[in-house]
Protein backbone atom coordinates (compact mmCIF):
# COMPACT_ATOMS: atom_id res chain seq x y z
CA MET A 1 51.24 54.42 -93.85
CA SER A 2 52.20 56.29 -90.66
CA LEU A 3 50.75 55.42 -87.26
CA PRO A 4 49.68 57.84 -84.54
CA GLY A 5 51.38 57.66 -81.16
CA SER A 6 50.85 54.89 -78.63
CA LYS A 7 47.91 55.34 -76.28
CA SER A 8 49.54 53.19 -73.60
CA LEU A 9 52.77 55.19 -73.66
CA THR A 10 50.99 58.56 -73.90
CA ASN A 11 48.73 57.99 -70.90
CA ARG A 12 51.56 56.62 -68.75
CA ALA A 13 53.70 59.63 -69.67
CA LEU A 14 50.87 62.01 -68.74
CA VAL A 15 50.38 60.30 -65.36
CA LEU A 16 54.08 60.42 -64.54
CA GLY A 17 54.24 64.04 -65.70
CA ALA A 18 51.44 64.97 -63.30
CA LEU A 19 53.27 63.22 -60.44
CA ALA A 20 56.64 64.82 -61.26
CA ASP A 21 58.35 67.63 -59.40
CA THR A 22 58.68 69.99 -62.41
CA PRO A 23 56.96 70.45 -65.80
CA SER A 24 57.59 68.05 -68.67
CA VAL A 25 56.76 67.64 -72.35
CA VAL A 26 55.13 64.65 -74.07
CA ARG A 27 56.19 64.78 -77.72
CA ARG A 28 54.20 63.08 -80.50
CA ALA A 29 51.41 62.42 -77.99
CA LEU A 30 48.42 60.53 -79.31
CA ARG A 31 45.41 62.83 -79.62
CA SER A 32 42.42 60.53 -79.14
CA ARG A 33 39.42 60.20 -76.88
CA ASP A 34 41.30 58.07 -74.33
CA THR A 35 44.28 60.42 -74.07
CA LEU A 36 42.17 63.59 -73.96
CA LEU A 37 40.11 62.03 -71.16
CA MET A 38 43.34 61.37 -69.27
CA ALA A 39 44.53 64.95 -69.84
CA ARG A 40 41.21 66.31 -68.56
CA ALA A 41 41.23 64.00 -65.55
CA LEU A 42 44.72 65.09 -64.48
CA THR A 43 43.82 68.75 -65.06
CA SER A 44 40.68 68.29 -62.95
CA LEU A 45 42.85 66.99 -60.10
CA GLY A 46 45.09 70.08 -60.14
CA SER A 47 47.79 69.60 -62.76
CA HIS A 48 47.63 71.41 -66.08
CA VAL A 49 47.92 69.42 -69.29
CA ASN A 50 48.15 71.65 -72.35
CA THR A 51 46.97 69.69 -75.39
CA ALA A 52 46.75 72.65 -77.77
CA ASP A 53 49.99 71.82 -79.61
CA ALA A 54 51.45 68.66 -81.13
CA ASP A 55 53.75 68.38 -78.11
CA TRP A 56 51.79 68.37 -74.86
CA THR A 57 53.10 70.06 -71.72
CA VAL A 58 52.31 68.72 -68.25
CA THR A 59 52.63 71.09 -65.31
CA PRO A 60 52.11 69.50 -61.87
CA GLY A 61 49.91 71.40 -59.45
CA PRO A 62 48.36 71.12 -55.98
CA MET A 63 45.51 68.63 -55.63
CA ALA A 64 43.33 70.40 -53.09
CA HIS A 65 39.74 70.39 -54.32
CA ASP A 66 36.82 68.12 -55.22
CA ALA A 67 36.56 66.87 -58.81
CA GLU A 68 34.52 64.70 -61.15
CA ILE A 69 36.41 62.34 -63.46
CA ASP A 70 34.84 61.14 -66.72
CA CYS A 71 36.47 57.81 -67.58
CA GLY A 72 34.55 57.42 -70.85
CA LEU A 73 35.59 53.97 -72.08
CA ALA A 74 39.23 54.42 -71.05
CA GLY A 75 40.44 51.65 -68.76
CA THR A 76 43.65 53.58 -68.12
CA VAL A 77 41.68 56.55 -66.76
CA MET A 78 39.45 54.39 -64.56
CA ARG A 79 42.42 52.49 -63.14
CA PHE A 80 45.44 54.84 -63.25
CA VAL A 81 43.79 57.98 -61.85
CA PRO A 82 42.29 56.73 -58.51
CA PRO A 83 45.74 56.21 -56.89
CA ILE A 84 46.63 59.79 -57.87
CA ALA A 85 43.28 61.02 -56.51
CA ALA A 86 44.19 59.46 -53.17
CA LEU A 87 47.03 62.02 -52.88
CA SER A 88 44.54 64.90 -53.09
CA THR A 89 42.58 66.48 -50.26
CA GLY A 90 39.23 66.34 -52.05
CA ARG A 91 36.41 63.98 -52.91
CA ILE A 92 37.05 62.66 -56.42
CA ASP A 93 34.02 61.11 -58.14
CA PHE A 94 34.59 58.59 -60.96
CA ASP A 95 32.08 57.53 -63.61
CA GLY A 96 32.07 56.82 -67.33
CA ASP A 97 30.11 55.56 -70.32
CA PRO A 98 27.37 52.99 -69.57
CA HIS A 99 29.46 50.06 -70.76
CA MET A 100 32.38 51.22 -68.59
CA ARG A 101 30.28 50.34 -65.54
CA GLU A 102 30.67 46.69 -66.53
CA ARG A 103 34.49 46.68 -66.65
CA PRO A 104 36.34 45.35 -63.58
CA VAL A 105 38.16 47.64 -61.18
CA GLY A 106 37.36 46.03 -57.80
CA PRO A 107 40.72 44.30 -57.13
CA MET A 108 42.63 47.52 -57.66
CA LEU A 109 40.28 49.54 -55.43
CA ALA A 110 40.53 46.84 -52.74
CA ALA A 111 44.32 47.07 -52.94
CA LEU A 112 44.15 50.85 -52.54
CA ALA A 113 41.94 50.42 -49.48
CA ALA A 114 44.49 48.01 -48.01
CA LEU A 115 47.16 50.68 -48.55
CA GLY A 116 45.17 53.22 -46.53
CA VAL A 117 42.97 54.86 -49.19
CA ARG A 118 39.29 55.56 -48.55
CA VAL A 119 37.02 54.44 -51.39
CA ASP A 120 33.33 55.33 -50.94
CA PRO A 121 31.46 53.05 -51.30
CA PRO A 122 33.72 49.97 -51.45
CA ALA A 123 33.14 49.15 -55.11
CA ALA A 124 33.85 46.62 -57.82
CA ARG A 125 32.58 48.80 -60.66
CA LEU A 126 31.94 52.43 -61.54
CA PRO A 127 30.71 54.77 -60.12
CA PHE A 128 32.83 55.28 -56.99
CA THR A 129 34.49 58.08 -55.02
CA VAL A 130 38.06 58.33 -53.77
CA VAL A 131 38.26 60.47 -50.63
CA GLY A 132 41.76 61.90 -50.57
CA SER A 133 43.67 62.64 -47.39
CA GLY A 134 46.69 64.31 -48.94
CA SER A 135 48.94 61.27 -48.57
CA VAL A 136 48.92 57.48 -48.81
CA PRO A 137 50.81 55.33 -46.26
CA GLY A 138 51.67 52.69 -48.87
CA GLY A 139 53.52 49.52 -47.96
CA SER A 140 52.87 45.92 -48.99
CA VAL A 141 49.68 44.72 -50.66
CA GLN A 142 48.40 41.63 -52.45
CA ILE A 143 46.25 41.91 -55.54
CA ASP A 144 44.57 39.52 -57.96
CA ALA A 145 45.49 41.03 -61.32
CA SER A 146 44.35 38.02 -63.37
CA SER A 147 41.67 40.09 -65.10
CA SER A 148 43.87 43.09 -65.96
CA SER A 149 47.55 43.99 -65.75
CA GLN A 150 46.41 47.61 -65.40
CA PHE A 151 45.62 46.91 -61.73
CA VAL A 152 49.35 46.46 -61.11
CA SER A 153 50.49 49.33 -63.33
CA ALA A 154 48.02 51.71 -61.66
CA ILE A 155 49.56 51.24 -58.22
CA LEU A 156 53.16 51.15 -59.46
CA LEU A 157 52.83 54.42 -61.40
CA THR A 158 51.89 56.35 -58.25
CA GLY A 159 53.76 54.19 -55.73
CA ALA A 160 56.84 56.41 -55.48
CA ARG A 161 54.63 59.17 -54.07
CA PHE A 162 53.29 56.93 -51.27
CA ASP A 163 54.93 57.51 -47.86
CA ARG A 164 56.57 54.07 -47.77
CA GLY A 165 56.51 53.36 -51.48
CA VAL A 166 54.73 50.17 -52.45
CA GLU A 167 55.29 46.44 -52.78
CA VAL A 168 52.67 44.70 -54.93
CA THR A 169 52.39 40.91 -54.96
CA HIS A 170 50.09 39.19 -57.43
CA HIS A 171 47.92 36.51 -55.83
CA GLY A 172 45.87 34.44 -58.28
CA PRO A 173 46.10 32.99 -61.80
CA THR A 174 48.65 34.39 -64.22
CA VAL A 175 48.68 38.10 -65.03
CA PRO A 176 47.59 38.88 -68.61
CA SER A 177 49.30 41.44 -70.85
CA ALA A 178 52.56 41.28 -68.91
CA PRO A 179 54.34 43.47 -71.52
CA HIS A 180 52.25 46.41 -70.30
CA ILE A 181 53.68 45.98 -66.79
CA ALA A 182 57.14 45.87 -68.33
CA MET A 183 56.27 49.14 -70.10
CA THR A 184 55.30 50.72 -66.77
CA LEU A 185 58.52 49.57 -65.10
CA ALA A 186 60.65 50.82 -68.00
CA MET A 187 59.05 54.27 -67.87
CA LEU A 188 59.58 54.49 -64.09
CA ARG A 189 63.24 53.49 -64.44
CA GLU A 190 63.68 55.97 -67.29
CA ARG A 191 62.78 58.69 -64.77
CA GLY A 192 65.17 57.40 -62.15
CA VAL A 193 62.54 55.81 -59.89
CA SER A 194 63.93 52.81 -57.99
CA VAL A 195 62.09 49.65 -59.04
CA ASP A 196 62.61 45.98 -58.17
CA ALA A 197 60.58 43.25 -59.86
CA THR A 198 60.10 39.51 -60.23
CA SER A 199 57.41 37.68 -62.20
CA ASP A 200 54.72 38.27 -59.56
CA ARG A 201 56.14 40.90 -57.19
CA TRP A 202 56.94 44.53 -57.90
CA CYS A 203 58.47 47.13 -55.56
CA VAL A 204 58.67 50.90 -56.06
CA ALA A 205 60.76 52.87 -53.58
CA PRO A 206 59.40 56.14 -52.16
CA GLY A 207 60.80 59.37 -53.50
CA PRO A 208 60.33 62.09 -56.12
CA VAL A 209 59.38 61.39 -59.72
CA PRO A 210 61.81 63.44 -61.81
CA ALA A 211 60.36 65.10 -64.88
CA ILE A 212 61.68 64.14 -68.30
CA ASP A 213 60.55 64.96 -71.83
CA SER A 214 59.11 61.89 -73.58
CA VAL A 215 58.92 60.99 -77.26
CA ILE A 216 55.99 58.65 -77.88
CA GLU A 217 56.48 55.67 -80.19
CA PRO A 218 53.90 54.82 -82.88
CA ASP A 219 51.01 52.69 -81.57
CA LEU A 220 52.00 49.24 -82.82
CA SER A 221 48.71 47.54 -81.93
CA ASN A 222 46.92 50.05 -84.16
CA ALA A 223 49.05 48.72 -87.02
CA ALA A 224 47.22 45.37 -86.95
CA PRO A 225 44.39 46.08 -89.42
CA PHE A 226 46.72 47.89 -91.82
CA LEU A 227 49.35 45.17 -91.81
CA ALA A 228 46.55 42.61 -92.23
CA LEU A 229 45.77 44.24 -95.58
CA ALA A 230 49.03 42.86 -96.93
CA LEU A 231 47.87 39.31 -96.22
CA VAL A 232 44.34 39.94 -97.49
CA SER A 233 45.51 41.53 -100.76
CA GLY A 234 48.75 39.69 -101.42
CA GLY A 235 50.35 43.14 -101.59
CA SER A 236 52.62 45.00 -99.20
CA VAL A 237 52.32 47.56 -96.41
CA LEU A 238 55.18 49.65 -95.03
CA VAL A 239 54.93 51.27 -91.58
CA PRO A 240 57.76 53.78 -91.01
CA ASP A 241 59.40 54.50 -87.63
CA TRP A 242 58.81 50.97 -86.32
CA PRO A 243 60.96 50.87 -83.16
CA GLY A 244 63.84 48.43 -83.02
CA ASP A 245 63.47 47.99 -79.26
CA THR A 246 60.09 48.43 -77.56
CA THR A 247 57.93 47.25 -74.68
CA GLN A 248 54.76 47.49 -76.78
CA PRO A 249 53.02 44.11 -77.19
CA GLY A 250 52.04 45.07 -80.74
CA ASP A 251 55.62 44.31 -81.80
CA ALA A 252 54.57 40.63 -81.72
CA LEU A 253 52.70 41.25 -84.99
CA ARG A 254 55.98 40.62 -86.79
CA ASP A 255 56.13 36.99 -85.68
CA ILE A 256 52.37 36.37 -85.85
CA LEU A 257 51.98 37.60 -89.42
CA ALA A 258 55.06 35.65 -90.51
CA ALA A 259 53.47 32.51 -89.06
CA MET A 260 50.34 33.28 -91.08
CA GLY A 261 52.28 33.31 -94.34
CA ALA A 262 53.58 36.87 -94.69
CA GLU A 263 57.12 37.96 -95.49
CA VAL A 264 58.18 40.37 -92.75
CA SER A 265 61.27 42.57 -92.56
CA VAL A 266 62.45 45.59 -90.55
CA ASP A 267 65.09 48.10 -91.63
CA ASP A 268 65.70 51.83 -91.48
CA ALA A 269 62.65 52.43 -93.67
CA GLY A 270 60.34 50.70 -91.18
CA LEU A 271 58.37 47.47 -90.98
CA LEU A 272 57.49 45.91 -94.34
CA VAL A 273 54.89 43.13 -94.58
CA ARG A 274 54.27 41.32 -97.88
CA GLY A 275 51.36 38.96 -98.27
CA GLY A 276 51.78 35.44 -99.55
CA PRO A 277 49.58 33.31 -101.83
CA THR A 278 47.37 32.19 -98.91
CA ILE A 279 46.74 33.00 -95.27
CA GLN A 280 47.74 30.16 -92.97
CA GLY A 281 45.85 29.19 -89.84
CA VAL A 282 47.70 29.35 -86.53
CA ASP A 283 47.62 27.98 -83.00
CA LEU A 284 48.50 30.91 -80.72
CA ASP A 285 48.56 31.67 -77.01
CA LEU A 286 47.65 35.37 -76.96
CA HIS A 287 47.66 35.71 -73.16
CA ASP A 288 50.06 38.66 -73.31
CA LEU A 289 48.59 40.02 -76.56
CA GLY A 290 44.86 40.22 -75.93
CA GLU A 291 44.40 43.54 -77.71
CA LEU A 292 45.57 41.94 -80.98
CA THR A 293 42.98 39.15 -80.81
CA PRO A 294 40.17 40.74 -82.89
CA ALA A 295 42.43 41.53 -85.84
CA ILE A 296 44.11 38.12 -85.71
CA ALA A 297 40.72 36.40 -85.44
CA ALA A 298 39.56 38.20 -88.58
CA LEU A 299 42.60 36.94 -90.47
CA CYS A 300 41.97 33.43 -89.13
CA ALA A 301 38.46 33.54 -90.61
CA LEU A 302 40.09 34.21 -94.01
CA ALA A 303 42.75 31.53 -93.62
CA ALA A 304 43.04 28.30 -95.61
CA SER A 305 43.37 26.12 -92.49
CA PRO A 306 41.89 26.05 -88.97
CA SER A 307 43.15 28.24 -86.13
CA ARG A 308 43.03 28.10 -82.35
CA LEU A 309 43.41 31.29 -80.28
CA ARG A 310 43.87 30.58 -76.57
CA GLY A 311 44.87 32.08 -73.23
CA ILE A 312 42.60 35.12 -73.56
CA ALA A 313 39.81 34.61 -71.02
CA HIS A 314 40.64 38.09 -69.65
CA ILE A 315 39.48 39.85 -72.84
CA ARG A 316 35.92 39.05 -71.83
CA GLY A 317 36.37 42.04 -69.49
CA HIS A 318 37.71 44.46 -72.10
CA GLU A 319 35.59 47.10 -73.84
CA THR A 320 33.16 44.25 -74.49
CA ASP A 321 33.29 40.47 -74.04
CA ARG A 322 35.55 40.17 -77.06
CA ILE A 323 35.47 36.38 -77.21
CA ALA A 324 31.66 36.25 -77.31
CA ALA A 325 31.47 39.23 -79.67
CA LEU A 326 33.96 37.74 -82.14
CA ALA A 327 32.23 34.36 -82.05
CA ALA A 328 28.84 35.96 -82.76
CA GLU A 329 29.98 38.33 -85.52
CA LEU A 330 32.23 35.85 -87.33
CA ALA A 331 29.47 33.24 -87.30
CA ALA A 332 26.98 35.80 -88.63
CA LEU A 333 29.22 36.26 -91.71
CA GLY A 334 29.52 32.50 -92.31
CA ALA A 335 32.66 31.54 -90.38
CA ARG A 336 32.73 28.24 -88.48
CA VAL A 337 33.54 29.27 -84.94
CA GLU A 338 33.70 27.41 -81.64
CA GLU A 339 33.79 29.52 -78.49
CA HIS A 340 35.88 28.32 -75.53
CA PRO A 341 36.19 29.81 -72.05
CA ASP A 342 39.66 31.08 -72.93
CA GLY A 343 39.47 31.64 -76.68
CA LEU A 344 38.22 30.56 -80.08
CA THR A 345 38.59 27.83 -82.71
CA ILE A 346 38.04 29.22 -86.20
CA ARG A 347 37.71 27.00 -89.28
CA PRO A 348 37.51 28.05 -92.93
CA GLY A 349 33.98 28.77 -94.10
CA ARG A 350 32.18 30.43 -96.98
CA LEU A 351 31.97 34.06 -95.87
CA HIS A 352 29.33 36.54 -97.03
CA GLY A 353 28.41 40.16 -96.44
CA GLY A 354 26.31 41.50 -93.60
CA LEU A 355 26.30 43.86 -90.64
CA TRP A 356 29.38 43.68 -88.40
CA ARG A 357 28.49 44.97 -84.94
CA THR A 358 31.24 46.82 -83.08
CA TYR A 359 29.93 46.86 -79.47
CA ALA A 360 31.45 50.35 -78.94
CA ASP A 361 34.84 48.59 -79.21
CA HIS A 362 37.57 49.98 -81.46
CA ARG A 363 39.28 46.59 -81.82
CA MET A 364 36.03 45.00 -83.02
CA ALA A 365 35.88 47.69 -85.71
CA HIS A 366 39.46 46.75 -86.69
CA ALA A 367 38.36 43.14 -87.18
CA GLY A 368 35.38 44.21 -89.26
CA VAL A 369 37.35 46.30 -91.74
CA ILE A 370 39.81 43.45 -92.32
CA LEU A 371 36.93 41.18 -93.27
CA GLY A 372 35.35 43.94 -95.34
CA ALA A 373 38.56 44.22 -97.37
CA ALA A 374 38.15 40.58 -98.44
CA VAL A 375 34.37 40.02 -98.45
CA ASP A 376 31.87 42.11 -100.40
CA GLY A 377 29.00 43.71 -98.53
CA VAL A 378 30.39 43.89 -94.99
CA LEU A 379 28.90 46.94 -93.26
CA ILE A 380 30.68 48.19 -90.11
CA GLU A 381 28.10 49.32 -87.55
CA ASP A 382 30.08 52.17 -85.95
CA ILE A 383 33.47 52.99 -87.43
CA ALA A 384 33.62 56.12 -85.25
CA THR A 385 34.43 53.94 -82.24
CA THR A 386 38.00 53.76 -83.61
CA GLY A 387 38.37 57.34 -82.35
CA LYS A 388 39.16 55.85 -78.95
CA THR A 389 42.79 55.38 -80.05
CA PHE A 390 42.94 56.49 -83.72
CA PRO A 391 40.74 59.53 -84.54
CA ASP A 392 41.59 59.56 -88.28
CA PHE A 393 41.21 55.82 -88.75
CA ALA A 394 38.41 55.91 -91.35
CA ALA A 395 40.14 58.50 -93.52
CA THR A 396 43.49 56.72 -93.25
CA TRP A 397 41.90 53.39 -94.16
CA ALA A 398 40.07 54.87 -97.14
CA GLY A 399 43.29 56.54 -98.31
CA LEU A 400 45.01 53.19 -98.78
CA TRP A 401 42.81 52.08 -101.68
């Protein structure tokens, strides 16, 4: 089965296209709710993002008027767009879906304020307003990014357009999802932006952001439920165009599924996963791979031995509190689950059908369909929530049977 484009790469490419000095093209862009919200947000600010064709064009434009930004449930919109809004000369209002008002953004907004940006009122959650002055002084700033790596990426993506560039130093516990920061740095360097980085300090030099045409890789995290089918069925799943070299954290699925008993190989045809006779439990630190947790937890509930998933306290602040949601839903279907502050212990249990609640979270829906492939009578509450990153998910899933 073929995967749609990466949301993380698409939205970063759109942001950098809007900040560039000339128009650019984003090829094989993901068309989903999150990416369309980003396109509309950047267009509202003054750029023009044409999403009519398979390849999207981004034409930078003056940011000289007030605007309202709908973040929906897109963390990248809520966090990546405010630094761009600070370069405008208007009042830019941000809000989103009701649950989005619960997701953290305060540390990033505080960092913007320290860099000379006016945020009205000083906020930790949606809604808020960025009052642009046409420029941002920039400079050095500390930020606690322990709840989301997006706080760092947000400032780095726009930092070259700040008067003095930006130096971001993380101050606090470890940063989760570090591969996403690596993705941001790689995309900046690809455009010729000068970047210097250590494990907890990142510098972006001031200067133009040259436009380039991007080709978006398949979204590897969206492969998780499909590749899980190989383990559930004892069959095989082939995903073509799997990149040989990537910054996407979803590439870790190769090692994780192999540890759970699958046979995994990559060649010119793509990534091939073959299921084994049983699914093996695992002990995994998923600190950098939080978005894979729901799918992996579902496989753990079907495993022949216990599993421990750790290092993921930060996913309590994702689309929903994913640790609590997984514990509740797995237990409701008969799994033996222990919830920890930073993860889950899952032991084999006698599973049965029932309603799997999705909490408006596409990754929770991914976990539910994996269980439904193995257990009769599992009803997914809202499969449409997968449209956040994979609009044709239900039809693609049904087409595999």
